[in-house]
Amino acid sequence: MSSQSAKLVDAGNMLREVTHLVEVLSMATSDIDNERQQNALQTICNIVDDRIVSINALLDAARNAPAG
């Protein structure tokens, strides 16, 4: 495995960890009694989820790019 491939694998693994952390945070928001705070945290989780999708697309494109 090339150094570039290893970096892409590492980045994918870190992104999966972030995905799991956001899922935990999203689940924890349901335990917050203050609706305003709950909505704020859920909005942040949604934004992070959107960014994760974008980063995954970039990683996929980098993985599929011709070596050179």
N, C-alpha and C. Protein backbone atom coordinates (compact mmCIF):
# COMPACT_ATOMS: atom_id res chain seq x y z
N MET A 1 0.85 -1.18 0.00
CA MET A 1 0.00 0.00 0.00
C MET A 1 0.89 1.24 0.00
N SER A 2 0.59 2.15 -0.90
CA SER A 2 1.39 3.37 -0.99
C SER A 2 1.10 4.28 0.21
N SER A 3 1.98 5.23 0.37
CA SER A 3 1.80 6.20 1.47
C SER A 3 0.50 6.98 1.28
N GLN A 4 0.20 7.33 0.03
CA GLN A 4 -1.03 8.07 -0.27
C GLN A 4 -2.26 7.22 0.06
N SER A 5 -2.22 5.95 -0.31
CA SER A 5 -3.34 5.04 -0.01
C SER A 5 -3.52 4.88 1.49
N ALA A 6 -2.42 4.76 2.20
CA ALA A 6 -2.49 4.62 3.66
C ALA A 6 -3.11 5.86 4.29
N LYS A 7 -2.77 7.03 3.76
CA LYS A 7 -3.34 8.27 4.29
C LYS A 7 -4.84 8.34 4.03
N LEU A 8 -5.26 7.87 2.86
CA LEU A 8 -6.69 7.86 2.55
C LEU A 8 -7.44 6.90 3.46
N VAL A 9 -6.84 5.75 3.74
CA VAL A 9 -7.46 4.79 4.66
C VAL A 9 -7.56 5.40 6.06
N ASP A 10 -6.48 6.03 6.50
CA ASP A 10 -6.48 6.69 7.82
C ASP A 10 -7.56 7.77 7.89
N ALA A 11 -7.66 8.57 6.84
CA ALA A 11 -8.66 9.64 6.82
C ALA A 11 -10.07 9.05 6.87
N GLY A 12 -10.30 7.98 6.13
CA GLY A 12 -11.60 7.32 6.16
C GLY A 12 -11.93 6.77 7.54
N ASN A 13 -10.94 6.20 8.19
CA ASN A 13 -11.15 5.66 9.54
C ASN A 13 -11.48 6.77 10.53
N MET A 14 -10.76 7.88 10.44
CA MET A 14 -11.01 9.00 11.34
C MET A 14 -12.40 9.58 11.09
N LEU A 15 -12.80 9.64 9.83
CA LEU A 15 -14.11 10.16 9.51
C LEU A 15 -15.22 9.26 10.06
N ARG A 16 -15.01 7.95 10.03
CA ARG A 16 -15.99 7.03 10.62
C ARG A 16 -16.07 7.25 12.14
N GLU A 17 -14.94 7.50 12.78
CA GLU A 17 -14.96 7.79 14.22
C GLU A 17 -15.77 9.05 14.50
N VAL A 18 -15.57 10.07 13.69
CA VAL A 18 -16.32 11.32 13.86
C VAL A 18 -17.81 11.07 13.65
N THR A 19 -18.14 10.25 12.66
CA THR A 19 -19.53 9.90 12.40
C THR A 19 -20.16 9.26 13.64
N HIS A 20 -19.46 8.34 14.26
CA HIS A 20 -19.99 7.68 15.47
C HIS A 20 -20.12 8.67 16.62
N LEU A 21 -19.18 9.57 16.76
CA LEU A 21 -19.26 10.58 17.83
C LEU A 21 -20.46 11.49 17.63
N VAL A 22 -20.73 11.87 16.38
CA VAL A 22 -21.88 12.72 16.11
C VAL A 22 -23.18 11.97 16.39
N GLU A 23 -23.21 10.69 16.07
CA GLU A 23 -24.40 9.88 16.38
C GLU A 23 -24.66 9.85 17.88
N VAL A 24 -23.61 9.69 18.66
CA VAL A 24 -23.75 9.68 20.12
C VAL A 24 -24.25 11.03 20.61
N LEU A 25 -23.67 12.10 20.09
CA LEU A 25 -24.10 13.44 20.48
C LEU A 25 -25.56 13.67 20.11
N SER A 26 -25.92 13.23 18.93
CA SER A 26 -27.31 13.38 18.48
C SER A 26 -28.27 12.62 19.41
N MET A 27 -27.90 11.42 19.79
CA MET A 27 -28.74 10.65 20.72
C MET A 27 -28.82 11.34 22.07
N ALA A 28 -27.72 11.91 22.52
CA ALA A 28 -27.68 12.54 23.84
C ALA A 28 -28.54 13.80 23.87
N THR A 29 -28.75 14.44 22.73
CA THR A 29 -29.56 15.66 22.74
C THR A 29 -30.99 15.39 23.19
N SER A 30 -31.46 14.18 23.00
CA SER A 30 -32.83 13.88 23.41
C SER A 30 -33.01 13.92 24.93
N ASP A 31 -31.91 13.85 25.67
CA ASP A 31 -31.98 13.90 27.13
C ASP A 31 -31.96 15.33 27.67
N ILE A 32 -31.81 16.29 26.79
CA ILE A 32 -31.78 17.69 27.22
C ILE A 32 -33.21 18.21 27.32
N ASP A 33 -33.55 18.79 28.46
CA ASP A 33 -34.91 19.26 28.69
C ASP A 33 -35.21 20.59 27.99
N ASN A 34 -34.19 21.41 27.81
CA ASN A 34 -34.38 22.71 27.19
C ASN A 34 -34.46 22.55 25.67
N GLU A 35 -35.64 22.84 25.12
CA GLU A 35 -35.87 22.62 23.69
C GLU A 35 -34.95 23.47 22.82
N ARG A 36 -34.67 24.68 23.23
CA ARG A 36 -33.79 25.57 22.46
C ARG A 36 -32.38 24.99 22.38
N GLN A 37 -31.87 24.50 23.49
CA GLN A 37 -30.55 23.88 23.51
C GLN A 37 -30.55 22.58 22.70
N GLN A 38 -31.61 21.82 22.83
CA GLN A 38 -31.73 20.57 22.09
C GLN A 38 -31.71 20.84 20.58
N ASN A 39 -32.47 21.83 20.14
CA ASN A 39 -32.51 22.18 18.72
C ASN A 39 -31.17 22.68 18.22
N ALA A 40 -30.49 23.46 19.04
CA ALA A 40 -29.19 23.99 18.65
C ALA A 40 -28.19 22.85 18.44
N LEU A 41 -28.15 21.92 19.37
CA LEU A 41 -27.22 20.80 19.24
C LEU A 41 -27.59 19.90 18.06
N GLN A 42 -28.87 19.68 17.84
CA GLN A 42 -29.29 18.85 16.72
C GLN A 42 -28.94 19.52 15.39
N THR A 43 -29.06 20.84 15.34
CA THR A 43 -28.68 21.57 14.13
C THR A 43 -27.20 21.39 13.85
N ILE A 44 -26.38 21.48 14.89
CA ILE A 44 -24.94 21.27 14.71
C ILE A 44 -24.67 19.86 14.22
N CYS A 45 -25.34 18.88 14.80
CA CYS A 45 -25.16 17.49 14.36
C CYS A 45 -25.53 17.33 12.89
N ASN A 46 -26.60 17.98 12.47
CA ASN A 46 -27.02 17.90 11.08
C ASN A 46 -26.00 18.53 10.14
N ILE A 47 -25.44 19.66 10.55
CA ILE A 47 -24.41 20.31 9.74
C ILE A 47 -23.18 19.42 9.63
N VAL A 48 -22.77 18.82 10.73
CA VAL A 48 -21.61 17.93 10.71
C VAL A 48 -21.90 16.72 9.82
N ASP A 49 -23.09 16.18 9.90
CA ASP A 49 -23.46 15.05 9.04
C ASP A 49 -23.32 15.44 7.56
N ASP A 50 -23.78 16.64 7.22
CA ASP A 50 -23.65 17.11 5.83
C ASP A 50 -22.18 17.21 5.42
N ARG A 51 -21.36 17.71 6.31
CA ARG A 51 -19.92 17.84 6.02
C ARG A 51 -19.27 16.46 5.85
N ILE A 52 -19.71 15.51 6.65
CA ILE A 52 -19.17 14.14 6.56
C ILE A 52 -19.48 13.56 5.19
N VAL A 53 -20.69 13.78 4.70
CA VAL A 53 -21.06 13.29 3.37
C VAL A 53 -20.14 13.92 2.31
N SER A 54 -19.90 15.22 2.42
CA SER A 54 -19.03 15.91 1.46
C SER A 54 -17.60 15.39 1.53
N ILE A 55 -17.10 15.18 2.72
CA ILE A 55 -15.73 14.69 2.88
C ILE A 55 -15.62 13.27 2.35
N ASN A 56 -16.63 12.45 2.60
CA ASN A 56 -16.63 11.08 2.06
C ASN A 56 -16.56 11.10 0.53
N ALA A 57 -17.28 12.02 -0.07
CA ALA A 57 -17.26 12.13 -1.53
C ALA A 57 -15.86 12.52 -2.02
N LEU A 58 -15.22 13.43 -1.31
CA LEU A 58 -13.85 13.82 -1.67
C LEU A 58 -12.88 12.66 -1.51
N LEU A 59 -13.03 11.91 -0.44
CA LEU A 59 -12.16 10.75 -0.22
C LEU A 59 -12.39 9.70 -1.30
N ASP A 60 -13.64 9.46 -1.66
CA ASP A 60 -13.93 8.50 -2.72
C ASP A 60 -13.30 8.92 -4.04
N ALA A 61 -13.38 10.21 -4.34
CA ALA A 61 -12.78 10.72 -5.58
C ALA A 61 -11.26 10.55 -5.54
N ALA A 62 -10.66 10.80 -4.39
CA ALA A 62 -9.20 10.64 -4.27
C ALA A 62 -8.81 9.17 -4.39
N ARG A 63 -9.61 8.29 -3.82
CA ARG A 63 -9.31 6.85 -3.91
C ARG A 63 -9.41 6.35 -5.35
N ASN A 64 -10.33 6.92 -6.12
CA ASN A 64 -10.56 6.47 -7.48
C ASN A 64 -9.73 7.21 -8.52
N ALA A 65 -8.98 8.20 -8.08
CA ALA A 65 -8.14 8.97 -9.00
C ALA A 65 -6.97 8.10 -9.46
N PRO A 66 -6.57 8.25 -10.71
CA PRO A 66 -5.43 7.46 -11.19
C PRO A 66 -4.16 7.81 -10.41
N ALA A 67 -3.38 6.80 -10.12
CA ALA A 67 -2.12 7.02 -9.39
C ALA A 67 -1.17 7.78 -10.28
N GLY A 68 -0.44 8.65 -9.65
CA GLY A 68 0.52 9.36 -10.48
C GLY A 68 1.28 10.29 -9.74
